Amino acid sequence: MITLTIIEVSGCKKNDDYKTLLGTWVSKDLIDTLDFTSDTSFNKMYSGSPDYFKYESSKDSITIQYSGKLFIYVFPTTHHFQLNEQELSIDFSNGCYGFRKQIINFTKR
């Protein structure tokens, strides 16, 4: 008699919020525009030219680190965020390089 044992290995499931994040988001006050291009990076428009940021999201927070053309090191910061299909809210009140110190609400374009 042969006994076959199958062991299932499961890892951590990657957060799929990035699929909803992909695309262009404009702040409701029209000051900030974010373009999420992948599951790890987005661009923020400054005077018509993009600057680059890396990010990592979890269920209710997003960690952001500047990675742009100024070639300066900026520590990553973590912020509470809420996301649905067409609305994104990020709380930058604890400070984040390149962003105003406040909650910013975005609409998907």
Protein backbone atom coordinates (compact mmCIF):
# COMPACT_ATOMS: atom_id res chain seq x y z
CA MET A 1 0.00 0.00 0.00
CA ILE A 2 1.31 3.46 -0.96
CA THR A 3 0.27 6.51 1.01
CA LEU A 4 0.47 9.86 -0.69
CA THR A 5 0.65 12.96 1.44
CA ILE A 6 0.07 16.35 -0.12
CA ILE A 7 1.26 19.36 1.77
CA GLU A 8 -0.11 22.70 0.72
CA VAL A 9 2.19 25.62 1.21
CA SER A 10 0.64 29.03 1.23
CA GLY A 11 2.41 32.32 1.51
CA CYS A 12 1.17 35.73 2.32
CA LYS A 13 -1.28 36.94 -0.27
CA LYS A 14 -0.18 40.21 -1.83
CA ASN A 15 -2.57 43.06 -1.23
CA ASP A 16 -4.59 43.57 -4.43
CA ASP A 17 -5.54 47.19 -3.64
CA TYR A 18 -2.96 48.30 -6.17
CA LYS A 19 -5.26 47.11 -8.97
CA THR A 20 -7.85 49.66 -7.85
CA LEU A 21 -5.11 52.27 -7.30
CA LEU A 22 -3.74 51.98 -10.85
CA GLY A 23 -4.51 55.07 -12.91
CA THR A 24 -4.70 58.81 -12.40
CA TRP A 25 -6.11 60.43 -9.25
CA VAL A 26 -6.79 64.16 -8.94
CA SER A 27 -7.28 65.87 -5.58
CA LYS A 28 -10.73 67.39 -5.15
CA ASP A 29 -9.13 70.84 -4.80
CA LEU A 30 -7.25 70.19 -8.11
CA ILE A 31 -3.83 70.83 -6.52
CA ASP A 32 -2.37 67.30 -6.56
CA THR A 33 -2.34 64.69 -9.34
CA LEU A 34 -1.07 61.17 -8.69
CA ASP A 35 -0.53 58.56 -11.39
CA PHE A 36 -0.20 55.03 -9.96
CA THR A 37 1.74 53.14 -12.63
CA SER A 38 2.41 49.80 -10.88
CA ASP A 39 2.03 47.94 -7.61
CA THR A 40 5.17 49.67 -6.28
CA SER A 41 5.37 53.18 -7.75
CA PHE A 42 3.47 56.32 -8.63
CA ASN A 43 4.23 59.73 -10.12
CA LYS A 44 3.18 63.06 -8.67
CA MET A 45 2.93 65.92 -11.13
CA TYR A 46 4.93 69.07 -10.31
CA SER A 47 4.41 71.92 -12.78
CA GLY A 48 3.66 69.52 -15.62
CA SER A 49 6.56 67.16 -14.97
CA PRO A 50 6.38 63.89 -12.98
CA ASP A 51 8.31 63.14 -9.80
CA TYR A 52 8.60 59.56 -8.61
CA PHE A 53 7.58 57.83 -5.39
CA LYS A 54 7.67 54.21 -4.23
CA TYR A 55 4.81 52.84 -2.18
CA GLU A 56 3.57 49.76 -0.40
CA SER A 57 -0.05 49.40 0.67
CA SER A 58 -1.83 47.26 3.20
CA LYS A 59 -5.50 47.08 4.09
CA ASP A 60 -5.75 50.59 5.55
CA SER A 61 -2.30 52.16 5.30
CA ILE A 62 0.14 53.20 2.62
CA THR A 63 3.90 53.65 3.07
CA ILE A 64 5.41 56.22 0.72
CA GLN A 65 9.03 57.04 -0.07
CA TYR A 66 10.32 59.74 -2.38
CA SER A 67 12.42 58.26 -5.17
CA GLY A 68 12.53 61.16 -7.58
CA LYS A 69 14.78 63.24 -9.73
CA LEU A 70 16.34 65.24 -6.86
CA PHE A 71 18.29 62.10 -5.84
CA ILE A 72 17.87 62.78 -2.13
CA TYR A 73 17.17 60.17 0.52
CA VAL A 74 13.90 60.64 2.34
CA PHE A 75 12.72 58.22 5.01
CA PRO A 76 9.50 56.40 4.14
CA THR A 77 6.35 57.52 5.96
CA THR A 78 3.17 55.57 6.64
CA HIS A 79 -0.31 57.06 6.31
CA HIS A 80 -3.86 55.91 6.88
CA PHE A 81 -5.80 55.66 3.63
CA GLN A 82 -9.27 54.71 2.43
CA LEU A 83 -9.95 53.45 -1.06
CA ASN A 84 -12.96 52.51 -3.10
CA GLU A 85 -13.46 52.35 -6.86
CA GLN A 86 -13.50 56.12 -7.51
CA GLU A 87 -12.47 57.76 -4.21
CA LEU A 88 -9.10 57.80 -2.43
CA SER A 89 -8.33 59.56 0.85
CA ILE A 90 -4.79 59.73 2.28
CA ASP A 91 -3.99 61.28 5.66
CA PHE A 92 -0.69 63.16 5.25
CA SER A 93 -1.13 65.09 8.53
CA ASN A 94 1.92 63.34 10.03
CA GLY A 95 4.06 64.70 7.17
CA CYS A 96 5.27 63.24 3.89
CA TYR A 97 7.90 64.67 1.56
CA GLY A 98 6.22 66.44 -1.36
CA PHE A 99 2.72 66.56 0.14
CA ARG A 100 0.72 69.05 2.16
CA LYS A 101 0.28 68.17 5.87
CA GLN A 102 -3.42 67.34 5.73
CA ILE A 103 -5.93 64.74 4.62
CA ILE A 104 -6.15 64.84 0.82
CA ASN A 105 -9.17 63.43 -1.00
CA PHE A 106 -8.77 62.25 -4.59
CA THR A 107 -11.14 61.25 -7.37
CA LYS A 108 -10.15 58.79 -10.07
CA ARG A 109 -9.94 60.31 -13.51
